[in-house]
Amino acid sequence: MKKLFTFLVVLFLSVPNIWAFTFQWAPIDPLFREALADPYACSTSFRSLGVLDEASVPDSVLVSNSETNQYEQIVYDDSSQRNYWQMKSAVNFGLLRFSIGPVQAEGYIQGGLNTVFQKAGSVDSLGFDGMYGAGATVRLFNIIAIQAGFHHFSGHWGDEILADLMEENPGLDLYSSSSIYHLEEYTRGNSWLAGVSLEPVTWGRMYFFAELPMERAWIRPGIHVPSSTLKPGSDDTSQFEYITGQEGLTGLTAYDSSYKAWRLQAGLEFRYPVLDIGSLFLAGDFQAHQDGQTLHQVGGYSPDNPWEFEITVGGGFEFNQTVLGRKMRLECYYHDGRFPLLNYFFQRSKYVIMGIAISG
């Protein structure tokens, strides 16, 4: 036994740097890379977006009506525009990375803005989204990365769209204290987010995310709020009752305990090297929203309702040359799901999007 122990110690010490310790303050290449096909990945992009049918055109805002006790869509534009520009400026980078042999760990921080505006006419901005998050990532043997932290989403209507809304509906009152209408927005602030990325081969990757609102969280619209959620800063105020009350909705019944407002996400990525220039890639992203069980309407919830699903598939070419640890790619995707602005969660859209993107 003593000889075996001595042999193992000698073998361990004879392998140079196998357990060497390294440290980096702020590595710009994150251990958990952004998903290629995720519409809300924290990467920077400029894209042309074309919806494929009239039903996919975002032409309305969502309001709550305290007289009818319902949510309503009010049209702001009847021009049926089909083409848009999308711009997203976002970053995802590591903090304080430690490495010991095959084990790497780091904190991470990410955030950015996303906007879509019309390509024709007055080129109005439909709105913009804010997103940010932070947490920690552990990567083992450069094969599997595990990430956990918090995540924030919030949607905001474009001023020009609201001006169009007032022009199209001259009697509409959204801002006085006596108004029966209340403008709706989509917010998830804040949520727990956990993810796993598996890269068993250099040319393939699969990933999975699960997002769950915190016990105390801001969630809009009110009919998306789980019954167990509390108002931040309060010990016992129901967020469901608080938000629906702000929206002027009354007499609503909270949901059963199975409804948590989960968001689940999974995807696949494949790369094929082309000389020393870069790689052709294919990518797909699939998302499931439990808030789809509410049908986005008062009285619409049932535990038997299906979740709402989204799918994005496509590909392109990614160049090997990097700038500050970031790679550029040309890409094209087909999407069937929500329009890529959070406040339009109620708008199902089929669209094709193409352009350039930069990420880690």
Protein backbone atom coordinates (compact mmCIF):
# COMPACT_ATOMS: atom_id res chain seq x y z
CA MET A 1 0.00 0.00 0.00
CA LYS A 2 2.85 2.36 0.86
CA LYS A 3 4.46 1.70 -2.52
CA LEU A 4 1.16 2.34 -4.31
CA PHE A 5 0.70 5.62 -2.48
CA THR A 6 4.25 6.67 -3.34
CA PHE A 7 3.67 5.75 -6.99
CA LEU A 8 0.49 7.84 -7.19
CA VAL A 9 2.19 10.85 -5.59
CA VAL A 10 5.10 10.62 -8.01
CA LEU A 11 2.71 10.23 -10.96
CA PHE A 12 0.69 13.26 -9.83
CA LEU A 13 3.78 15.43 -9.42
CA SER A 14 5.31 14.25 -12.69
CA VAL A 15 2.42 15.60 -14.80
CA PRO A 16 3.32 19.25 -15.26
CA ASN A 17 0.71 21.89 -14.44
CA ILE A 18 -2.20 19.43 -14.27
CA TRP A 19 -3.56 21.27 -11.23
CA ALA A 20 -2.00 24.66 -11.91
CA PHE A 21 -3.96 27.59 -10.50
CA THR A 22 -4.66 30.62 -12.71
CA PHE A 23 -6.64 33.80 -12.17
CA GLN A 24 -8.09 36.47 -14.49
CA TRP A 25 -9.81 39.68 -13.42
CA ALA A 26 -12.25 40.21 -16.31
CA PRO A 27 -11.98 37.69 -19.17
CA ILE A 28 -13.97 38.95 -22.13
CA ASP A 29 -14.72 35.43 -23.43
CA PRO A 30 -17.38 33.97 -21.10
CA LEU A 31 -17.30 30.35 -19.99
CA PHE A 32 -20.98 30.09 -21.01
CA ARG A 33 -21.32 31.40 -24.55
CA GLU A 34 -24.45 33.12 -25.83
CA ALA A 35 -26.88 30.91 -27.73
CA LEU A 36 -26.74 31.60 -31.47
CA ALA A 37 -30.47 31.33 -32.22
CA ASP A 38 -31.86 32.83 -28.99
CA PRO A 39 -33.75 36.05 -29.94
CA TYR A 40 -32.78 37.59 -26.58
CA ALA A 41 -29.19 36.38 -26.28
CA CYS A 42 -26.85 39.04 -24.88
CA SER A 43 -25.06 39.54 -28.20
CA THR A 44 -24.90 42.56 -30.49
CA SER A 45 -26.72 42.42 -33.83
CA PHE A 46 -28.20 44.46 -36.67
CA ARG A 47 -30.83 42.63 -38.71
CA SER A 48 -33.52 43.01 -41.33
CA LEU A 49 -36.83 41.47 -40.26
CA GLY A 50 -39.70 40.57 -42.56
CA VAL A 51 -42.99 39.14 -41.31
CA LEU A 52 -44.49 36.47 -43.55
CA ASP A 53 -48.22 37.19 -43.35
CA GLU A 54 -50.64 39.93 -42.35
CA ALA A 55 -51.57 38.18 -39.10
CA SER A 56 -47.93 38.55 -37.98
CA VAL A 57 -47.88 42.36 -38.28
CA PRO A 58 -47.62 44.15 -34.89
CA ASP A 59 -50.26 46.88 -35.25
CA SER A 60 -51.78 47.12 -31.75
CA VAL A 61 -50.98 47.91 -28.13
CA LEU A 62 -52.41 46.02 -25.18
CA VAL A 63 -54.45 47.83 -22.52
CA SER A 64 -56.61 46.78 -19.60
CA ASN A 65 -60.18 48.15 -19.50
CA SER A 66 -61.56 48.63 -15.99
CA GLU A 67 -65.15 48.84 -17.30
CA THR A 68 -65.11 45.54 -19.18
CA ASN A 69 -62.60 43.95 -16.75
CA GLN A 70 -60.65 42.63 -19.73
CA TYR A 71 -57.49 43.19 -21.74
CA GLU A 72 -58.01 44.79 -25.15
CA GLN A 73 -55.87 45.34 -28.23
CA ILE A 74 -56.16 48.84 -29.69
CA VAL A 75 -54.89 49.40 -33.24
CA TYR A 76 -52.31 52.16 -33.73
CA ASP A 77 -51.42 51.50 -37.37
CA ASP A 78 -53.45 50.12 -40.28
CA SER A 79 -50.73 50.34 -42.92
CA SER A 80 -49.82 46.65 -42.53
CA GLN A 81 -46.09 47.21 -42.69
CA ARG A 82 -44.23 43.95 -43.24
CA ASN A 83 -40.56 44.95 -42.96
CA TYR A 84 -38.54 46.17 -39.99
CA TRP A 85 -35.04 46.76 -38.66
CA GLN A 86 -33.96 45.15 -35.41
CA MET A 87 -30.96 46.36 -33.42
CA LYS A 88 -29.63 44.75 -30.27
CA SER A 89 -26.64 46.03 -28.32
CA ALA A 90 -25.66 43.68 -25.50
CA VAL A 91 -22.63 42.19 -23.76
CA ASN A 92 -21.88 39.05 -21.78
CA PHE A 93 -18.52 38.74 -20.05
CA GLY A 94 -16.84 37.02 -17.16
CA LEU A 95 -15.57 38.41 -13.86
CA LEU A 96 -12.88 37.00 -11.56
CA ARG A 97 -12.18 33.69 -13.32
CA PHE A 98 -10.42 30.97 -11.36
CA SER A 99 -8.96 27.86 -13.00
CA ILE A 100 -7.62 24.76 -11.26
CA GLY A 101 -6.73 22.06 -13.76
CA PRO A 102 -9.87 21.06 -15.69
CA VAL A 103 -12.16 23.13 -13.46
CA GLN A 104 -12.94 26.76 -14.27
CA ALA A 105 -15.26 29.11 -12.40
CA GLU A 106 -16.18 32.75 -12.84
CA GLY A 107 -18.77 35.34 -12.04
CA TYR A 108 -20.57 36.81 -15.03
CA ILE A 109 -22.50 39.94 -15.86
CA GLN A 110 -24.61 40.62 -18.93
CA GLY A 111 -27.05 43.18 -20.22
CA GLY A 112 -28.24 45.19 -23.16
CA LEU A 113 -31.01 46.90 -25.11
CA ASN A 114 -33.15 45.58 -27.94
CA THR A 115 -35.28 47.64 -30.34
CA VAL A 116 -37.33 47.22 -33.52
CA PHE A 117 -38.40 50.03 -35.84
CA GLN A 118 -40.27 50.25 -39.11
CA LYS A 119 -38.28 50.10 -42.32
CA ALA A 120 -40.68 52.32 -44.32
CA GLY A 121 -42.80 55.42 -43.81
CA SER A 122 -41.92 57.42 -40.71
CA VAL A 123 -39.54 54.67 -39.49
CA ASP A 124 -41.21 54.66 -36.06
CA SER A 125 -39.69 52.72 -33.18
CA LEU A 126 -42.12 50.06 -31.94
CA GLY A 127 -40.44 49.98 -28.53
CA PHE A 128 -37.36 48.82 -26.73
CA ASP A 129 -36.45 46.16 -24.18
CA GLY A 130 -34.00 46.22 -21.31
CA MET A 131 -32.34 43.05 -20.06
CA TYR A 132 -29.60 42.28 -17.58
CA GLY A 133 -28.38 39.53 -15.31
CA ALA A 134 -25.51 38.29 -13.18
CA GLY A 135 -24.39 35.08 -11.54
CA ALA A 136 -21.71 32.40 -11.66
CA THR A 137 -20.56 29.75 -14.14
CA VAL A 138 -18.55 26.56 -13.62
CA ARG A 139 -17.04 24.70 -16.60
CA LEU A 140 -15.58 21.21 -16.38
CA PHE A 141 -13.05 19.71 -18.81
CA ASN A 142 -14.14 22.29 -21.44
CA ILE A 143 -17.17 20.07 -22.05
CA ILE A 144 -19.94 21.07 -19.69
CA ALA A 145 -20.77 24.54 -18.35
CA ILE A 146 -23.28 25.11 -15.54
CA GLN A 147 -24.64 28.60 -14.89
CA ALA A 148 -26.91 30.07 -12.23
CA GLY A 149 -27.93 33.62 -11.37
CA PHE A 150 -30.70 36.17 -11.76
CA HIS A 151 -32.23 37.64 -14.91
CA HIS A 152 -34.33 40.69 -15.72
CA PHE A 153 -36.60 41.43 -18.70
CA SER A 154 -38.64 44.60 -19.19
CA GLY A 155 -40.50 45.98 -22.19
CA HIS A 156 -41.20 49.63 -23.06
CA TRP A 157 -43.50 51.12 -25.70
CA GLY A 158 -42.01 53.50 -28.29
CA ASP A 159 -43.10 57.14 -27.96
CA GLU A 160 -43.82 57.35 -31.68
CA ILE A 161 -46.10 54.31 -31.49
CA LEU A 162 -48.07 55.88 -28.63
CA ALA A 163 -48.36 59.09 -30.67
CA ASP A 164 -49.71 57.04 -33.59
CA LEU A 165 -52.10 55.33 -31.16
CA MET A 166 -53.53 58.70 -30.04
CA GLU A 167 -53.80 59.92 -33.62
CA GLU A 168 -55.59 56.76 -34.70
CA ASN A 169 -57.88 56.88 -31.64
CA PRO A 170 -58.43 60.60 -30.86
CA GLY A 171 -60.78 59.97 -27.92
CA LEU A 172 -58.45 57.55 -26.18
CA ASP A 173 -57.33 58.58 -22.67
CA LEU A 174 -54.40 56.66 -21.18
CA TYR A 175 -52.93 59.10 -18.71
CA SER A 176 -55.59 60.77 -16.56
CA SER A 177 -56.43 59.33 -13.15
CA SER A 178 -60.03 58.81 -14.27
CA SER A 179 -59.15 56.83 -17.41
CA ILE A 180 -60.67 53.38 -17.77
CA TYR A 181 -57.66 52.29 -19.84
CA HIS A 182 -54.28 51.24 -18.48
CA LEU A 183 -51.33 50.63 -20.79
CA GLU A 184 -49.88 47.14 -20.36
CA GLU A 185 -46.21 46.12 -20.39
CA TYR A 186 -44.27 42.86 -20.05
CA THR A 187 -41.90 42.64 -17.09
CA ARG A 188 -40.01 39.83 -15.38
CA GLY A 189 -37.96 41.52 -12.71
CA ASN A 190 -36.36 39.59 -11.27
CA SER A 191 -36.15 35.86 -11.96
CA TRP A 192 -33.83 33.00 -11.11
CA LEU A 193 -32.10 31.61 -14.19
CA ALA A 194 -30.14 28.35 -14.46
CA GLY A 195 -28.55 26.84 -17.54
CA VAL A 196 -26.45 23.91 -18.75
CA SER A 197 -24.32 23.90 -21.91
CA LEU A 198 -22.86 20.61 -23.17
CA GLU A 199 -20.16 20.51 -25.86
CA PRO A 200 -18.99 16.88 -26.14
CA VAL A 201 -17.40 17.59 -29.55
CA THR A 202 -15.85 20.72 -31.04
CA TRP A 203 -18.53 20.95 -33.74
CA GLY A 204 -21.66 20.47 -31.63
CA ARG A 205 -23.40 22.02 -28.64
CA MET A 206 -26.68 21.60 -26.78
CA TYR A 207 -28.05 23.80 -23.99
CA PHE A 208 -30.97 24.13 -21.62
CA PHE A 209 -32.25 27.05 -19.50
CA ALA A 210 -34.96 27.28 -16.86
CA GLU A 211 -36.24 30.64 -15.61
CA LEU A 212 -38.49 31.10 -12.58
CA PRO A 213 -39.72 34.38 -11.01
CA MET A 214 -38.46 35.00 -7.49
CA GLU A 215 -40.80 34.80 -4.50
CA ARG A 216 -40.82 38.62 -4.52
CA ALA A 217 -40.77 39.88 -8.07
CA TRP A 218 -42.25 42.51 -10.37
CA ILE A 219 -44.32 40.73 -13.01
CA ARG A 220 -46.54 42.28 -15.64
CA PRO A 221 -49.22 41.93 -16.91
CA GLY A 222 -51.20 41.05 -13.80
CA ILE A 223 -52.80 37.91 -15.21
CA HIS A 224 -49.29 36.40 -15.61
CA VAL A 225 -48.52 36.67 -11.88
CA PRO A 226 -48.41 33.39 -9.89
CA SER A 227 -50.62 33.40 -6.79
CA SER A 228 -47.64 32.81 -4.48
CA THR A 229 -45.68 35.88 -5.66
CA LEU A 230 -45.34 38.76 -3.21
CA LYS A 231 -44.76 42.44 -3.88
CA PRO A 232 -41.07 43.35 -3.43
CA GLY A 233 -40.50 45.24 -0.19
CA SER A 234 -43.59 43.73 1.40
CA ASP A 235 -44.03 40.73 3.68
CA ASP A 236 -47.58 39.79 2.79
CA THR A 237 -48.89 41.87 -0.15
CA SER A 238 -50.01 39.63 -3.02
CA GLN A 239 -48.38 40.75 -6.26
CA PHE A 240 -51.29 39.27 -8.21
CA GLU A 241 -53.78 41.48 -6.39
CA TYR A 242 -51.46 44.50 -6.40
CA ILE A 243 -50.74 44.50 -10.16
CA THR A 244 -54.26 43.62 -11.30
CA GLY A 245 -55.49 46.38 -8.98
CA GLN A 246 -53.15 48.86 -10.68
CA GLU A 247 -54.61 47.72 -13.98
CA GLY A 248 -58.15 48.46 -12.78
CA LEU A 249 -59.18 44.79 -12.81
CA THR A 250 -61.34 43.49 -9.99
CA GLY A 251 -62.86 40.24 -8.74
CA LEU A 252 -60.09 38.05 -10.16
CA THR A 253 -59.23 34.66 -8.73
CA ALA A 254 -55.59 33.70 -8.17
CA TYR A 255 -54.29 30.57 -9.89
CA ASP A 256 -53.56 27.15 -8.44
CA SER A 257 -50.10 26.30 -7.13
CA SER A 258 -49.02 24.49 -10.33
CA TYR A 259 -48.73 27.82 -12.15
CA LYS A 260 -45.28 29.37 -11.55
CA ALA A 261 -44.75 31.41 -14.77
CA TRP A 262 -41.86 29.17 -15.83
CA ARG A 263 -39.89 29.83 -19.02
CA LEU A 264 -37.99 26.83 -20.40
CA GLN A 265 -35.51 26.97 -23.25
CA ALA A 266 -33.39 24.45 -25.15
CA GLY A 267 -31.26 24.53 -28.28
CA LEU A 268 -28.75 22.84 -30.58
CA GLU A 269 -25.80 24.27 -32.52
CA PHE A 270 -23.57 22.67 -35.16
CA ARG A 271 -20.44 24.05 -36.83
CA TYR A 272 -18.51 22.93 -39.91
CA PRO A 273 -15.04 24.48 -40.37
CA VAL A 274 -14.24 26.06 -43.76
CA LEU A 275 -10.47 26.29 -44.34
CA ASP A 276 -8.99 28.81 -41.87
CA ILE A 277 -11.67 31.41 -42.56
CA GLY A 278 -14.43 30.36 -40.22
CA SER A 279 -17.33 27.92 -39.88
CA LEU A 280 -20.70 27.28 -41.39
CA PHE A 281 -23.24 26.84 -38.61
CA LEU A 282 -26.77 25.61 -38.05
CA ALA A 283 -28.70 26.52 -34.89
CA GLY A 284 -32.12 25.99 -33.38
CA ASP A 285 -33.76 27.42 -30.27
CA PHE A 286 -36.98 26.23 -28.63
CA GLN A 287 -38.82 28.04 -25.83
CA ALA A 288 -41.87 27.21 -23.73
CA HIS A 289 -43.78 29.83 -21.71
CA GLN A 290 -46.07 28.68 -18.93
CA ASP A 291 -47.80 32.08 -19.02
CA GLY A 292 -49.39 30.85 -22.25
CA GLN A 293 -51.79 28.91 -19.99
CA THR A 294 -53.45 32.26 -19.16
CA LEU A 295 -54.31 32.86 -22.83
CA HIS A 296 -53.14 36.42 -21.98
CA GLN A 297 -56.68 37.28 -20.92
CA VAL A 298 -58.73 37.68 -17.77
CA GLY A 299 -60.46 34.38 -17.03
CA GLY A 300 -58.37 32.56 -19.62
CA TYR A 301 -56.22 30.49 -17.26
CA SER A 302 -56.63 26.77 -16.91
CA PRO A 303 -54.03 24.22 -15.78
CA ASP A 304 -55.21 22.14 -18.75
CA ASN A 305 -54.27 24.87 -21.26
CA PRO A 306 -51.07 24.24 -23.22
CA TRP A 307 -47.93 26.27 -22.67
CA GLU A 308 -47.01 28.73 -25.41
CA PHE A 309 -44.17 27.57 -27.65
CA GLU A 310 -41.64 29.32 -29.88
CA ILE A 311 -39.10 27.98 -32.34
CA THR A 312 -36.21 29.66 -34.14
CA VAL A 313 -34.09 27.79 -36.72
CA GLY A 314 -31.43 28.94 -39.15
CA GLY A 315 -27.74 29.27 -39.78
CA GLY A 316 -25.00 31.26 -41.39
CA PHE A 317 -21.25 31.77 -41.39
CA GLU A 318 -19.04 32.69 -38.43
CA PHE A 319 -15.59 34.19 -39.04
CA ASN A 320 -12.58 32.98 -37.05
CA GLN A 321 -11.01 36.42 -36.80
CA THR A 322 -11.80 38.00 -33.44
CA VAL A 323 -11.85 41.55 -32.12
CA LEU A 324 -11.53 41.82 -28.34
CA GLY A 325 -12.48 38.16 -28.05
CA ARG A 326 -15.64 38.58 -30.12
CA LYS A 327 -16.51 36.85 -33.40
CA MET A 328 -18.65 38.23 -36.20
CA ARG A 329 -21.15 36.15 -38.12
CA LEU A 330 -23.62 36.45 -40.98
CA GLU A 331 -26.90 34.79 -40.11
CA CYS A 332 -30.44 34.04 -41.25
CA TYR A 333 -33.26 32.59 -39.12
CA TYR A 334 -36.90 31.61 -39.39
CA HIS A 335 -39.01 32.27 -36.29
CA ASP A 336 -42.50 31.11 -35.33
CA GLY A 337 -43.52 32.60 -31.98
CA ARG A 338 -43.70 35.97 -30.30
CA PHE A 339 -42.66 39.16 -32.05
CA PRO A 340 -39.14 40.11 -30.83
CA LEU A 341 -40.23 42.91 -28.50
CA LEU A 342 -41.38 41.95 -25.00
CA ASN A 343 -44.48 44.17 -24.95
CA TYR A 344 -45.79 42.32 -28.01
CA PHE A 345 -45.91 38.99 -26.15
CA PHE A 346 -49.56 38.71 -27.25
CA GLN A 347 -48.59 39.03 -30.95
CA ARG A 348 -47.82 35.71 -32.61
CA SER A 349 -45.54 36.25 -35.62
CA LYS A 350 -43.86 34.25 -38.32
CA TYR A 351 -40.86 36.07 -39.70
CA VAL A 352 -37.48 35.70 -41.40
CA ILE A 353 -34.60 37.70 -40.00
CA MET A 354 -31.10 38.15 -41.45
CA GLY A 355 -28.10 40.32 -40.73
CA ILE A 356 -24.86 40.43 -38.77
CA ALA A 357 -24.13 39.60 -35.14
CA ILE A 358 -21.16 39.76 -32.77
CA SER A 359 -20.75 37.60 -29.67
CA GLY A 360 -18.25 35.58 -27.65
